[in-house]
Amino acid sequence: MSGHEREILENAVRALADAEADRLVDEARALIIAMPLVSTGARPGGYTSLRGSATLGGGGRRMQPKTGTLIILAAAFVSFLVSVVYWFGVFGDPDRALGLYVGIWVPSILALGALLSPRGGRR
């Protein structure tokens, strides 16, 4: 294969790759634009796009974390910290068994929070 033929072939491959990339970008844009809207349940007509946190037709307010969610997260974090304190013996001798016991509270607390949340469980 001569140098000129090779150059023609490389240019053809580049053109095909560019066309394929442009097609994939166009498909991705179409999918993003066509994403369904999910009802927030906050008020009639309040819908949130799956693409972000902006609301459509619902006044444009962002939902703030609820107090219950913050309490659950704080309890899980405190449980984690207490587990680390026991495991490494920050204030005395390490007690790894107690550290593990308190450490398994974290997923239990988070699961309880998911179950009790308005969107969790079987509600």
PDB file of N, CA and C in Angstrom:
ATOM      1  N   MET A   1       0.848  -1.158   0.000  1.00  0.00           N
ATOM      2  CA  MET A   1       0.000   0.000   0.000  1.00  0.00           C
ATOM      3  C   MET A   1       0.902   1.232   0.000  1.00  0.00           C
ATOM      4  N   SER A   2       0.595   2.129  -0.896  1.00  0.00           N
ATOM      5  CA  SER A   2       1.416   3.332  -0.993  1.00  0.00           C
ATOM      6  C   SER A   2       1.018   4.334   0.082  1.00  0.00           C
ATOM      7  N   GLY A   3       1.851   5.330   0.252  1.00  0.00           N
ATOM      8  CA  GLY A   3       1.608   6.351   1.259  1.00  0.00           C
ATOM      9  C   GLY A   3       0.324   7.130   0.996  1.00  0.00           C
ATOM     10  N   HIS A   4       0.051   7.379  -0.302  1.00  0.00           N
ATOM     11  CA  HIS A   4      -1.155   8.119  -0.665  1.00  0.00           C
ATOM     12  C   HIS A   4      -2.412   7.295  -0.370  1.00  0.00           C
ATOM     13  N   GLU A   5      -2.369   6.005  -0.698  1.00  0.00           N
ATOM     14  CA  GLU A   5      -3.511   5.130  -0.418  1.00  0.00           C
ATOM     15  C   GLU A   5      -3.750   5.014   1.097  1.00  0.00           C
ATOM     16  N   ARG A   6      -2.658   4.934   1.823  1.00  0.00           N
ATOM     17  CA  ARG A   6      -2.771   4.854   3.281  1.00  0.00           C
ATOM     18  C   ARG A   6      -3.416   6.123   3.847  1.00  0.00           C
ATOM     19  N   GLU A   7      -3.006   7.268   3.327  1.00  0.00           N
ATOM     20  CA  GLU A   7      -3.574   8.532   3.779  1.00  0.00           C
ATOM     21  C   GLU A   7      -5.060   8.621   3.462  1.00  0.00           C
ATOM     22  N   ILE A   8      -5.461   8.170   2.291  1.00  0.00           N
ATOM     23  CA  ILE A   8      -6.877   8.164   1.912  1.00  0.00           C
ATOM     24  C   ILE A   8      -7.671   7.252   2.855  1.00  0.00           C
ATOM     25  N   LEU A   9      -7.123   6.080   3.143  1.00  0.00           N
ATOM     26  CA  LEU A   9      -7.783   5.135   4.035  1.00  0.00           C
ATOM     27  C   LEU A   9      -7.908   5.715   5.449  1.00  0.00           C
ATOM     28  N   GLU A  10      -6.854   6.337   5.970  1.00  0.00           N
ATOM     29  CA  GLU A  10      -6.904   6.944   7.300  1.00  0.00           C
ATOM     30  C   GLU A  10      -7.937   8.064   7.360  1.00  0.00           C
ATOM     31  N   ASN A  11      -8.018   8.887   6.310  1.00  0.00           N
ATOM     32  CA  ASN A  11      -9.011   9.960   6.264  1.00  0.00           C
ATOM     33  C   ASN A  11     -10.428   9.405   6.233  1.00  0.00           C
ATOM     34  N   ALA A  12     -10.639   8.304   5.503  1.00  0.00           N
ATOM     35  CA  ALA A  12     -11.966   7.682   5.440  1.00  0.00           C
ATOM     36  C   ALA A  12     -12.360   7.123   6.807  1.00  0.00           C
ATOM     37  N   VAL A  13     -11.404   6.489   7.505  1.00  0.00           N
ATOM     38  CA  VAL A  13     -11.685   5.943   8.834  1.00  0.00           C
ATOM     39  C   VAL A  13     -12.008   7.073   9.812  1.00  0.00           C
ATOM     40  N   ARG A  14     -11.249   8.170   9.754  1.00  0.00           N
ATOM     41  CA  ARG A  14     -11.527   9.318  10.617  1.00  0.00           C
ATOM     42  C   ARG A  14     -12.911   9.899  10.358  1.00  0.00           C
ATOM     43  N   ALA A  15     -13.277  10.010   9.079  1.00  0.00           N
ATOM     44  CA  ALA A  15     -14.592  10.554   8.728  1.00  0.00           C
ATOM     45  C   ALA A  15     -15.704   9.650   9.253  1.00  0.00           C
ATOM     46  N   LEU A  16     -15.528   8.340   9.131  1.00  0.00           N
ATOM     47  CA  LEU A  16     -16.530   7.404   9.651  1.00  0.00           C
ATOM     48  C   LEU A  16     -16.628   7.500  11.175  1.00  0.00           C
ATOM     49  N   ALA A  17     -15.490   7.589  11.844  1.00  0.00           N
ATOM     50  CA  ALA A  17     -15.488   7.687  13.300  1.00  0.00           C
ATOM     51  C   ALA A  17     -16.152   8.984  13.754  1.00  0.00           C
ATOM     52  N   ASP A  18     -15.879  10.090  13.064  1.00  0.00           N
ATOM     53  CA  ASP A  18     -16.500  11.359  13.409  1.00  0.00           C
ATOM     54  C   ASP A  18     -18.010  11.311  13.195  1.00  0.00           C
ATOM     55  N   ALA A  19     -18.441  10.701  12.103  1.00  0.00           N
ATOM     56  CA  ALA A  19     -19.873  10.589  11.829  1.00  0.00           C
ATOM     57  C   ALA A  19     -20.554   9.730  12.892  1.00  0.00           C
ATOM     58  N   GLU A  20     -19.911   8.632  13.300  1.00  0.00           N
ATOM     59  CA  GLU A  20     -20.472   7.763  14.337  1.00  0.00           C
ATOM     60  C   GLU A  20     -20.533   8.497  15.678  1.00  0.00           C
ATOM     61  N   ALA A  21     -19.502   9.250  16.007  1.00  0.00           N
ATOM     62  CA  ALA A  21     -19.495  10.014  17.255  1.00  0.00           C
ATOM     63  C   ALA A  21     -20.606  11.054  17.249  1.00  0.00           C
ATOM     64  N   ASP A  22     -20.784  11.747  16.127  1.00  0.00           N
ATOM     65  CA  ASP A  22     -21.855  12.733  16.027  1.00  0.00           C
ATOM     66  C   ASP A  22     -23.224  12.070  16.182  1.00  0.00           C
ATOM     67  N   ARG A  23     -23.400  10.901  15.592  1.00  0.00           N
ATOM     68  CA  ARG A  23     -24.670  10.180  15.702  1.00  0.00           C
ATOM     69  C   ARG A  23     -24.940   9.786  17.152  1.00  0.00           C
ATOM     70  N   LEU A  24     -23.910   9.299  17.856  1.00  0.00           N
ATOM     71  CA  LEU A  24     -24.079   8.899  19.251  1.00  0.00           C
ATOM     72  C   LEU A  24     -24.403  10.098  20.149  1.00  0.00           C
ATOM     73  N   VAL A  25     -23.768  11.231  19.873  1.00  0.00           N
ATOM     74  CA  VAL A  25     -24.053  12.440  20.652  1.00  0.00           C
ATOM     75  C   VAL A  25     -25.491  12.881  20.410  1.00  0.00           C
ATOM     76  N   ASP A  26     -25.939  12.828  19.160  1.00  0.00           N
ATOM     77  CA  ASP A  26     -27.320  13.212  18.851  1.00  0.00           C
ATOM     78  C   ASP A  26     -28.317  12.284  19.541  1.00  0.00           C
ATOM     79  N   GLU A  27     -28.032  10.980  19.565  1.00  0.00           N
ATOM     80  CA  GLU A  27     -28.914  10.026  20.249  1.00  0.00           C
ATOM     81  C   GLU A  27     -28.952  10.304  21.748  1.00  0.00           C
ATOM     82  N   ALA A  28     -27.802  10.586  22.344  1.00  0.00           N
ATOM     83  CA  ALA A  28     -27.756  10.874  23.775  1.00  0.00           C
ATOM     84  C   ALA A  28     -28.548  12.134  24.089  1.00  0.00           C
ATOM     85  N   ARG A  29     -28.414  13.167  23.275  1.00  0.00           N
ATOM     86  CA  ARG A  29     -29.180  14.397  23.495  1.00  0.00           C
ATOM     87  C   ARG A  29     -30.674  14.130  23.392  1.00  0.00           C
ATOM     88  N   ALA A  30     -31.083  13.321  22.408  1.00  0.00           N
ATOM     89  CA  ALA A  30     -32.502  13.005  22.252  1.00  0.00           C
ATOM     90  C   ALA A  30     -33.021  12.242  23.462  1.00  0.00           C
ATOM     91  N   LEU A  31     -32.217  11.327  24.000  1.00  0.00           N
ATOM     92  CA  LEU A  31     -32.643  10.578  25.185  1.00  0.00           C
ATOM     93  C   LEU A  31     -32.778  11.485  26.400  1.00  0.00           C
ATOM     94  N   ILE A  32     -31.847  12.411  26.566  1.00  0.00           N
ATOM     95  CA  ILE A  32     -31.902  13.317  27.703  1.00  0.00           C
ATOM     96  C   ILE A  32     -33.122  14.216  27.596  1.00  0.00           C
ATOM     97  N   ILE A  33     -33.403  14.705  26.418  1.00  0.00           N
ATOM     98  CA  ILE A  33     -34.552  15.578  26.229  1.00  0.00           C
ATOM     99  C   ILE A  33     -35.849  14.812  26.442  1.00  0.00           C
ATOM    100  N   ALA A  34     -35.888  13.546  26.043  1.00  0.00           N
ATOM    101  CA  ALA A  34     -37.108  12.748  26.140  1.00  0.00           C
ATOM    102  C   ALA A  34     -37.276  12.049  27.478  1.00  0.00           C
ATOM    103  N   MET A  35     -36.389  12.319  28.459  1.00  0.00           N
ATOM    104  CA  MET A  35     -36.525  11.663  29.761  1.00  0.00           C
ATOM    105  C   MET A  35     -37.877  11.991  30.361  1.00  0.00           C
ATOM    106  N   PRO A  36     -38.505  11.005  30.987  1.00  0.00           N
ATOM    107  CA  PRO A  36     -39.823  11.253  31.571  1.00  0.00           C
ATOM    108  C   PRO A  36     -39.718  12.142  32.800  1.00  0.00           C
ATOM    109  N   LEU A  37     -40.821  12.747  33.118  1.00  0.00           N
ATOM    110  CA  LEU A  37     -40.905  13.565  34.322  1.00  0.00           C
ATOM    111  C   LEU A  37     -41.558  12.731  35.408  1.00  0.00           C
ATOM    112  N   VAL A  38     -41.118  12.914  36.646  1.00  0.00           N
ATOM    113  CA  VAL A  38     -41.619  12.153  37.769  1.00  0.00           C
ATOM    114  C   VAL A  38     -42.359  13.100  38.704  1.00  0.00           C
ATOM    115  N   SER A  39     -43.529  12.703  39.152  1.00  0.00           N
ATOM    116  CA  SER A  39     -44.303  13.540  40.063  1.00  0.00           C
ATOM    117  C   SER A  39     -43.623  13.585  41.413  1.00  0.00           C
ATOM    118  N   THR A  40     -43.527  14.788  41.986  1.00  0.00           N
ATOM    119  CA  THR A  40     -42.952  14.929  43.318  1.00  0.00           C
ATOM    120  C   THR A  40     -43.983  14.639  44.383  1.00  0.00           C
ATOM    121  N   GLY A  41     -45.267  14.703  44.030  1.00  0.00           N
ATOM    122  CA  GLY A  41     -46.319  14.471  44.993  1.00  0.00           C
ATOM    123  C   GLY A  41     -46.513  15.633  45.955  1.00  0.00           C
ATOM    124  N   ALA A  42     -45.733  16.684  45.811  1.00  0.00           N
ATOM    125  CA  ALA A  42     -45.812  17.813  46.732  1.00  0.00           C
ATOM    126  C   ALA A  42     -47.093  18.608  46.528  1.00  0.00           C
ATOM    127  N   ARG A  43     -47.441  18.860  45.289  1.00  0.00           N
ATOM    128  CA  ARG A  43     -48.657  19.604  44.988  1.00  0.00           C
ATOM    129  C   ARG A  43     -49.061  19.261  43.552  1.00  0.00           C
ATOM    130  N   PRO A  44     -50.319  19.464  43.225  1.00  0.00           N
ATOM    131  CA  PRO A  44     -50.738  19.144  41.863  1.00  0.00           C
ATOM    132  C   PRO A  44     -49.943  19.948  40.845  1.00  0.00           C
ATOM    133  N   GLY A  45     -49.488  19.276  39.839  1.00  0.00           N
ATOM    134  CA  GLY A  45     -48.743  19.943  38.780  1.00  0.00           C
ATOM    135  C   GLY A  45     -47.277  20.119  39.070  1.00  0.00           C
ATOM    136  N   GLY A  46     -46.800  19.694  40.224  1.00  0.00           N
ATOM    137  CA  GLY A  46     -45.393  19.833  40.568  1.00  0.00           C
ATOM    138  C   GLY A  46     -44.626  18.622  40.096  1.00  0.00           C
ATOM    139  N   TYR A  47     -43.826  18.769  39.086  1.00  0.00           N
ATOM    140  CA  TYR A  47     -43.062  17.664  38.534  1.00  0.00           C
ATOM    141  C   TYR A  47     -41.584  17.990  38.566  1.00  0.00           C
ATOM    142  N   THR A  48     -40.777  16.985  38.820  1.00  0.00           N
ATOM    143  CA  THR A  48     -39.344  17.152  38.841  1.00  0.00           C
ATOM    144  C   THR A  48     -38.755  16.335  37.704  1.00  0.00           C
ATOM    145  N   SER A  49     -37.883  16.938  36.956  1.00  0.00           N
ATOM    146  CA  SER A  49     -37.217  16.223  35.885  1.00  0.00           C
ATOM    147  C   SER A  49     -36.189  15.271  36.470  1.00  0.00           C
ATOM    148  N   LEU A  50     -35.993  14.130  35.822  1.00  0.00           N
ATOM    149  CA  LEU A  50     -34.970  13.195  36.264  1.00  0.00           C
ATOM    150  C   LEU A  50     -33.575  13.745  36.007  1.00  0.00           C
ATOM    151  N   ARG A  51     -33.462  14.782  35.180  1.00  0.00           N
ATOM    152  CA  ARG A  51     -32.156  15.338  34.851  1.00  0.00           C
ATOM    153  C   ARG A  51     -31.605  16.204  35.957  1.00  0.00           C
ATOM    154  N   GLY A  52     -32.420  16.697  36.867  1.00  0.00           N
ATOM    155  CA  GLY A  52     -31.904  17.590  37.888  1.00  0.00           C
ATOM    156  C   GLY A  52     -32.938  17.858  38.941  1.00  0.00           C
ATOM    157  N   SER A  53     -32.690  18.893  39.716  1.00  0.00           N
ATOM    158  CA  SER A  53     -33.583  19.163  40.828  1.00  0.00           C
ATOM    159  C   SER A  53     -34.530  20.320  40.547  1.00  0.00           C
ATOM    160  N   ALA A  54     -34.533  20.843  39.338  1.00  0.00           N
ATOM    161  CA  ALA A  54     -35.432  21.949  39.029  1.00  0.00           C
ATOM    162  C   ALA A  54     -36.855  21.424  38.902  1.00  0.00           C
ATOM    163  N   THR A  55     -37.815  22.168  39.405  1.00  0.00           N
ATOM    164  CA  THR A  55     -39.199  21.738  39.310  1.00  0.00           C
ATOM    165  C   THR A  55     -39.863  22.451  38.153  1.00  0.00           C
ATOM    166  N   LEU A  56     -40.823  21.787  37.557  1.00  0.00           N
ATOM    167  CA  LEU A  56     -41.581  22.365  36.470  1.00  0.00           C
ATOM    168  C   LEU A  56     -43.027  22.496  36.920  1.00  0.00           C
ATOM    169  N   GLY A  57     -43.566  23.682  36.870  1.00  0.00           N
ATOM    170  CA  GLY A  57     -44.957  23.886  37.213  1.00  0.00           C
ATOM    171  C   GLY A  57     -45.240  23.811  38.699  1.00  0.00           C
ATOM    172  N   GLY A  58     -44.230  23.726  39.528  1.00  0.00           N
ATOM    173  CA  GLY A  58     -44.456  23.595  40.955  1.00  0.00           C
ATOM    174  C   GLY A  58     -43.884  24.744  41.763  1.00  0.00           C
ATOM    175  N   GLY A  59     -43.578  25.835  41.138  1.00  0.00           N
ATOM    176  CA  GLY A  59     -43.095  26.989  41.875  1.00  0.00           C
ATOM    177  C   GLY A  59     -41.582  27.124  41.887  1.00  0.00           C
ATOM    178  N   GLY A  60     -40.847  26.147  41.431  1.00  0.00           N
ATOM    179  CA  GLY A  60     -39.403  26.250  41.331  1.00  0.00           C
ATOM    180  C   GLY A  60     -38.662  26.120  42.635  1.00  0.00           C
ATOM    181  N   ARG A  61     -39.267  25.575  43.688  1.00  0.00           N
ATOM    182  CA  ARG A  61     -38.581  25.410  44.972  1.00  0.00           C
ATOM    183  C   ARG A  61     -37.898  24.062  45.037  1.00  0.00           C
ATOM    184  N   ARG A  62     -36.732  24.047  45.646  1.00  0.00           N
ATOM    185  CA  ARG A  62     -36.050  22.786  45.891  1.00  0.00           C
ATOM    186  C   ARG A  62     -36.539  22.204  47.203  1.00  0.00           C
ATOM    187  N   MET A  63     -36.643  20.890  47.239  1.00  0.00           N
ATOM    188  CA  MET A  63     -37.051  20.241  48.477  1.00  0.00           C
ATOM    189  C   MET A  63     -35.867  20.191  49.426  1.00  0.00           C
ATOM    190  N   GLN A  64     -36.093  20.602  50.659  1.00  0.00           N
ATOM    191  CA  GLN A  64     -35.059  20.547  51.686  1.00  0.00           C
ATOM    192  C   GLN A  64     -35.145  19.204  52.395  1.00  0.00           C
ATOM    193  N   PRO A  65     -34.008  18.708  52.892  1.00  0.00           N
ATOM    194  CA  PRO A  65     -34.056  17.451  53.641  1.00  0.00           C
ATOM    195  C   PRO A  65     -34.966  17.593  54.859  1.00  0.00           C
ATOM    196  N   LYS A  66     -35.755  16.572  55.090  1.00  0.00           N
ATOM    197  CA  LYS A  66     -36.686  16.623  56.219  1.00  0.00           C
ATOM    198  C   LYS A  66     -35.940  16.347  57.508  1.00  0.00           C
ATOM    199  N   THR A  67     -36.529  16.805  58.596  1.00  0.00           N
ATOM    200  CA  THR A  67     -35.913  16.639  59.909  1.00  0.00           C
ATOM    201  C   THR A  67     -35.700  15.170  60.239  1.00  0.00           C
ATOM    202  N   GLY A  68     -36.669  14.321  59.904  1.00  0.00           N
ATOM    203  CA  GLY A  68     -36.534  12.888  60.167  1.00  0.00           C
ATOM    204  C   GLY A  68     -35.344  12.284  59.444  1.00  0.00           C
ATOM    205  N   THR A  69     -35.129  12.702  58.209  1.00  0.00           N
ATOM    206  CA  THR A  69     -33.990  12.202  57.441  1.00  0.00           C
ATOM    207  C   THR A  69     -32.686  12.622  58.097  1.00  0.00           C
ATOM    208  N   LEU A  70     -32.630  13.868  58.547  1.00  0.00           N
ATOM    209  CA  LEU A  70     -31.415  14.349  59.198  1.00  0.00           C
ATOM    210  C   LEU A  70     -31.150  13.613  60.515  1.00  0.00           C
ATOM    211  N   ILE A  71     -32.219  13.295  61.255  1.00  0.00           N
ATOM    212  CA  ILE A  71     -32.049  12.559  62.510  1.00  0.00           C
ATOM    213  C   ILE A  71     -31.513  11.155  62.237  1.00  0.00           C
ATOM    214  N   ILE A  72     -32.059  10.491  61.229  1.00  0.00           N
ATOM    215  CA  ILE A  72     -31.596   9.137  60.876  1.00  0.00           C
ATOM    216  C   ILE A  72     -30.131   9.178  60.453  1.00  0.00           C
ATOM    217  N   LEU A  73     -29.775  10.136  59.604  1.00  0.00           N
ATOM    218  CA  LEU A  73     -28.381  10.235  59.158  1.00  0.00           C
ATOM    219  C   LEU A  73     -27.453  10.564  60.319  1.00  0.00           C
ATOM    220  N   ALA A  74     -27.888  11.434  61.216  1.00  0.00           N
ATOM    221  CA  ALA A  74     -27.070  11.778  62.380  1.00  0.00           C
ATOM    222  C   ALA A  74     -26.892  10.566  63.288  1.00  0.00           C
ATOM    223  N   ALA A  75     -27.951   9.789  63.501  1.00  0.00           N
ATOM    224  CA  ALA A  75     -27.854   8.596  64.342  1.00  0.00           C
ATOM    225  C   ALA A  75     -26.899   7.576  63.727  1.00  0.00           C
ATOM    226  N   ALA A  76     -26.960   7.407  62.407  1.00  0.00           N
ATOM    227  CA  ALA A  76     -26.056   6.462  61.740  1.00  0.00           C
ATOM    228  C   ALA A  76     -24.609   6.942  61.855  1.00  0.00           C
ATOM    229  N   PHE A  77     -24.398   8.245  61.699  1.00  0.00           N
ATOM    230  CA  PHE A  77     -23.047   8.790  61.791  1.00  0.00           C
ATOM    231  C   PHE A  77     -22.492   8.655  63.209  1.00  0.00           C
ATOM    232  N   VAL A  78     -23.314   8.952  64.197  1.00  0.00           N
ATOM    233  CA  VAL A  78     -22.881   8.812  65.593  1.00  0.00           C
ATOM    234  C   VAL A  78     -22.560   7.347  65.898  1.00  0.00           C
ATOM    235  N   SER A  79     -23.380   6.443  65.390  1.00  0.00           N
ATOM    236  CA  SER A  79     -23.121   5.014  65.583  1.00  0.00           C
ATOM    237  C   SER A  79     -21.783   4.623  64.959  1.00  0.00           C
ATOM    238  N   PHE A  80     -21.506   5.156  63.794  1.00  0.00           N
ATOM    239  CA  PHE A  80     -20.230   4.878  63.138  1.00  0.00           C
ATOM    240  C   PHE A  80     -19.067   5.402  63.983  1.00  0.00           C
ATOM    241  N   LEU A  81     -19.199   6.625  64.473  1.00  0.00           N
ATOM    242  CA  LEU A  81     -18.132   7.204  65.287  1.00  0.00           C
ATOM    243  C   LEU A  81     -17.909   6.405  66.575  1.00  0.00           C
ATOM    244  N   VAL A  82     -18.988   5.998  67.241  1.00  0.00           N
ATOM    245  CA  VAL A  82     -18.864   5.207  68.464  1.00  0.00           C
ATOM    246  C   VAL A  82     -18.200   3.867  68.155  1.00  0.00           C
ATOM    247  N   SER A  83     -18.546   3.288  67.017  1.00  0.00           N
ATOM    248  CA  SER A  83     -17.931   2.032  66.609  1.00  0.00           C
ATOM    249  C   SER A  83     -16.420   2.195  66.428  1.00  0.00           C
ATOM    250  N   VAL A  84     -16.015   3.271  65.794  1.00  0.00           N
ATOM    251  CA  VAL A  84     -14.585   3.535  65.594  1.00  0.00           C
ATOM    252  C   VAL A  84     -13.892   3.751  66.942  1.00  0.00           C
ATOM    253  N   VAL A  85     -14.553   4.466  67.849  1.00  0.00           N
ATOM    254  CA  VAL A  85     -13.980   4.708  69.174  1.00  0.00           C
ATOM    255  C   VAL A  85     -13.743   3.383  69.894  1.00  0.00           C
ATOM    256  N   TYR A  86     -14.736   2.497  69.875  1.00  0.00           N
ATOM    257  CA  TYR A  86     -14.568   1.200  70.532  1.00  0.00           C
ATOM    258  C   TYR A  86     -13.506   0.351  69.836  1.00  0.00           C
ATOM    259  N   TRP A  87     -13.527   0.313  68.506  1.00  0.00           N
ATOM    260  CA  TRP A  87     -12.616  -0.541  67.740  1.00  0.00           C
ATOM    261  C   TRP A  87     -11.154  -0.176  68.006  1.00  0.00           C
ATOM    262  N   PHE A  88     -10.856   1.129  67.956  1.00  0.00           N
ATOM    263  CA  PHE A  88      -9.476   1.568  68.125  1.00  0.00           C
ATOM    264  C   PHE A  88      -9.128   1.919  69.570  1.00  0.00           C
ATOM    265  N   GLY A  89     -10.108   1.895  70.465  1.00  0.00           N
ATOM    266  CA  GLY A  89      -9.837   2.182  71.861  1.00  0.00           C
ATOM    267  C   GLY A  89      -9.360   3.598  72.083  1.00  0.00           C
ATOM    268  N   VAL A  90     -10.066   4.564  71.540  1.00  0.00           N
ATOM    269  CA  VAL A  90      -9.656   5.958  71.636  1.00  0.00           C
ATOM    270  C   VAL A  90      -9.589   6.421  73.096  1.00  0.00           C
ATOM    271  N   PHE A  91     -10.538   5.999  73.923  1.00  0.00           N
ATOM    272  CA  PHE A  91     -10.575   6.441  75.316  1.00  0.00           C
ATOM    273  C   PHE A  91     -10.225   5.320  76.298  1.00  0.00           C
ATOM    274  N   GLY A  92      -9.593   4.300  75.850  1.00  0.00           N
ATOM    275  CA  GLY A  92      -9.242   3.177  76.726  1.00  0.00           C
ATOM    276  C   GLY A  92      -8.764   2.002  75.891  1.00  0.00           C
ATOM    277  N   ASP A  93      -8.930   0.822  76.426  1.00  0.00           N
ATOM    278  CA  ASP A  93      -8.520  -0.376  75.701  1.00  0.00           C
ATOM    279  C   ASP A  93      -9.477  -0.645  74.538  1.00  0.00           C
ATOM    280  N   PRO A  94      -8.926  -1.095  73.398  1.00  0.00           N
ATOM    281  CA  PRO A  94      -9.797  -1.418  72.265  1.00  0.00           C
ATOM    282  C   PRO A  94     -10.695  -2.612  72.588  1.00  0.00           C
ATOM    283  N   ASP A  95     -11.931  -2.511  72.197  1.00  0.00           N
ATOM    284  CA  ASP A  95     -12.881  -3.606  72.337  1.00  0.00           C
ATOM    285  C   ASP A  95     -13.479  -3.858  70.947  1.00  0.00           C
ATOM    286  N   ARG A  96     -12.830  -4.733  70.193  1.00  0.00           N
ATOM    287  CA  ARG A  96     -13.222  -4.936  68.808  1.00  0.00           C
ATOM    288  C   ARG A  96     -14.594  -5.582  68.672  1.00  0.00           C
ATOM    289  N   ALA A  97     -14.954  -6.458  69.592  1.00  0.00           N
ATOM    290  CA  ALA A  97     -16.277  -7.086  69.511  1.00  0.00           C
ATOM    291  C   ALA A  97     -17.382  -6.038  69.681  1.00  0.00           C
ATOM    292  N   LEU A  98     -17.208  -5.164  70.637  1.00  0.00           N
ATOM    293  CA  LEU A  98     -18.198  -4.108  70.848  1.00  0.00           C
ATOM    294  C   LEU A  98     -18.185  -3.128  69.673  1.00  0.00           C
ATOM    295  N   GLY A  99     -17.004  -2.877  69.120  1.00  0.00           N
ATOM    296  CA  GLY A  99     -16.908  -2.011  67.941  1.00  0.00           C
ATOM    297  C   GLY A  99     -17.672  -2.582  66.757  1.00  0.00           C
ATOM    298  N   LEU A 100     -17.560  -3.903  66.550  1.00  0.00           N
ATOM    299  CA  LEU A 100     -18.322  -4.547  65.471  1.00  0.00           C
ATOM    300  C   LEU A 100     -19.819  -4.496  65.753  1.00  0.00           C
ATOM    301  N   TYR A 101     -20.181  -4.753  67.001  1.00  0.00           N
ATOM    302  CA  TYR A 101     -21.595  -4.750  67.368  1.00  0.00           C
ATOM    303  C   TYR A 101     -22.226  -3.381  67.105  1.00  0.00           C
ATOM    304  N   VAL A 102     -21.554  -2.325  67.544  1.00  0.00           N
ATOM    305  CA  VAL A 102     -22.086  -0.982  67.314  1.00  0.00           C
ATOM    306  C   VAL A 102     -21.993  -0.627  65.829  1.00  0.00           C
ATOM    307  N   GLY A 103     -20.981  -1.130  65.148  1.00  0.00           N
ATOM    308  CA  GLY A 103     -20.815  -0.838  63.722  1.00  0.00           C
ATOM    309  C   GLY A 103     -21.939  -1.382  62.861  1.00  0.00           C
ATOM    310  N   ILE A 104     -22.521  -2.535  63.270  1.00  0.00           N
ATOM    311  CA  ILE A 104     -23.613  -3.071  62.454  1.00  0.00           C
ATOM    312  C   ILE A 104     -24.922  -2.327  62.694  1.00  0.00           C
ATOM    313  N   TRP A 105     -24.929  -1.403  63.635  1.00  0.00           N
ATOM    314  CA  TRP A 105     -26.108  -0.565  63.801  1.00  0.00           C
ATOM    315  C   TRP A 105     -26.285   0.382  62.622  1.00  0.00           C
ATOM    316  N   VAL A 106     -25.188   0.774  61.982  1.00  0.00           N
ATOM    317  CA  VAL A 106     -25.258   1.779  60.910  1.00  0.00           C
ATOM    318  C   VAL A 106     -26.202   1.331  59.794  1.00  0.00           C
ATOM    319  N   PRO A 107     -26.002   0.164  59.170  1.00  0.00           N
ATOM    320  CA  PRO A 107     -26.944  -0.218  58.113  1.00  0.00           C
ATOM    321  C   PRO A 107     -28.351  -0.458  58.641  1.00  0.00           C
ATOM    322  N   SER A 108     -28.463  -0.893  59.894  1.00  0.00           N
ATOM    323  CA  SER A 108     -29.792  -1.106  60.466  1.00  0.00           C
ATOM    324  C   SER A 108     -30.530   0.218  60.624  1.00  0.00           C
ATOM    325  N   ILE A 109     -29.826   1.241  61.104  1.00  0.00           N
ATOM    326  CA  ILE A 109     -30.444   2.564  61.259  1.00  0.00           C
ATOM    327  C   ILE A 109     -30.844   3.125  59.903  1.00  0.00           C
ATOM    328  N   LEU A 110     -29.962   2.985  58.915  1.00  0.00           N
ATOM    329  CA  LEU A 110     -30.283   3.496  57.572  1.00  0.00           C
ATOM    330  C   LEU A 110     -31.452   2.740  56.953  1.00  0.00           C
ATOM    331  N   ALA A 111     -31.521   1.426  57.178  1.00  0.00           N
ATOM    332  CA  ALA A 111     -32.647   0.647  56.665  1.00  0.00           C
ATOM    333  C   ALA A 111     -33.951   1.072  57.339  1.00  0.00           C
ATOM    334  N   LEU A 112     -33.902   1.328  58.642  1.00  0.00           N
ATOM    335  CA  LEU A 112     -35.082   1.805  59.347  1.00  0.00           C
ATOM    336  C   LEU A 112     -35.523   3.154  58.785  1.00  0.00           C
ATOM    337  N   GLY A 113     -34.569   4.015  58.516  1.00  0.00           N
ATOM    338  CA  GLY A 113     -34.899   5.312  57.929  1.00  0.00           C
ATOM    339  C   GLY A 113     -35.539   5.164  56.558  1.00  0.00           C
ATOM    340  N   ALA A 114     -35.043   4.237  55.751  1.00  0.00           N
ATOM    341  CA  ALA A 114     -35.635   4.006  54.433  1.00  0.00           C
ATOM    342  C   ALA A 114     -37.039   3.443  54.563  1.00  0.00           C
ATOM    343  N   LEU A 115     -37.242   2.583  55.537  1.00  0.00           N
ATOM    344  CA  LEU A 115     -38.564   1.989  55.739  1.00  0.00           C
ATOM    345  C   LEU A 115     -39.576   3.027  56.223  1.00  0.00           C
ATOM    346  N   LEU A 116     -39.150   3.926  57.079  1.00  0.00           N
ATOM    347  CA  LEU A 116     -40.056   4.918  57.639  1.00  0.00           C
ATOM    348  C   LEU A 116     -40.222   6.160  56.778  1.00  0.00           C
ATOM    349  N   SER A 117     -39.383   6.324  55.759  1.00  0.00           N
ATOM    350  CA  SER A 117     -39.495   7.517  54.918  1.00  0.00           C
ATOM    351  C   SER A 117     -40.783   7.445  54.101  1.00  0.00           C
ATOM    352  N   PRO A 118     -41.330   8.593  53.712  1.00  0.00           N
ATOM    353  CA  PRO A 118     -42.571   8.588  52.949  1.00  0.00           C
ATOM    354  C   PRO A 118     -42.474   7.831  51.627  1.00  0.00           C
ATOM    355  N   ARG A 119     -41.297   7.769  51.048  1.00  0.00           N
ATOM    356  CA  ARG A 119     -41.132   7.071  49.774  1.00  0.00           C
ATOM    357  C   ARG A 119     -40.608   5.665  49.956  1.00  0.00           C
ATOM    358  N   GLY A 120     -40.291   5.253  51.187  1.00  0.00           N
ATOM    359  CA  GLY A 120     -39.719   3.941  51.427  1.00  0.00           C
ATOM    360  C   GLY A 120     -40.774   2.925  51.814  1.00  0.00           C
ATOM    361  N   GLY A 121     -40.335   1.721  52.029  1.00  0.00           N
ATOM    362  CA  GLY A 121     -41.233   0.657  52.459  1.00  0.00           C
ATOM    363  C   GLY A 121     -42.246   0.322  51.385  1.00  0.00           C
ATOM    364  N   ARG A 122     -43.481   0.011  51.804  1.00  0.00           N
ATOM    365  CA  ARG A 122     -44.551  -0.365  50.867  1.00  0.00           C
ATOM    366  C   ARG A 122     -45.622   0.716  50.791  1.00  0.00           C
ATOM    367  N   ARG A 123     -45.222   1.944  50.876  1.00  0.00           N
ATOM    368  CA  ARG A 123     -46.193   3.035  50.864  1.00  0.00           C
ATOM    369  C   ARG A 123     -46.381   3.587  49.493  1.00  0.00           C
TER     370      ARG A 123
END
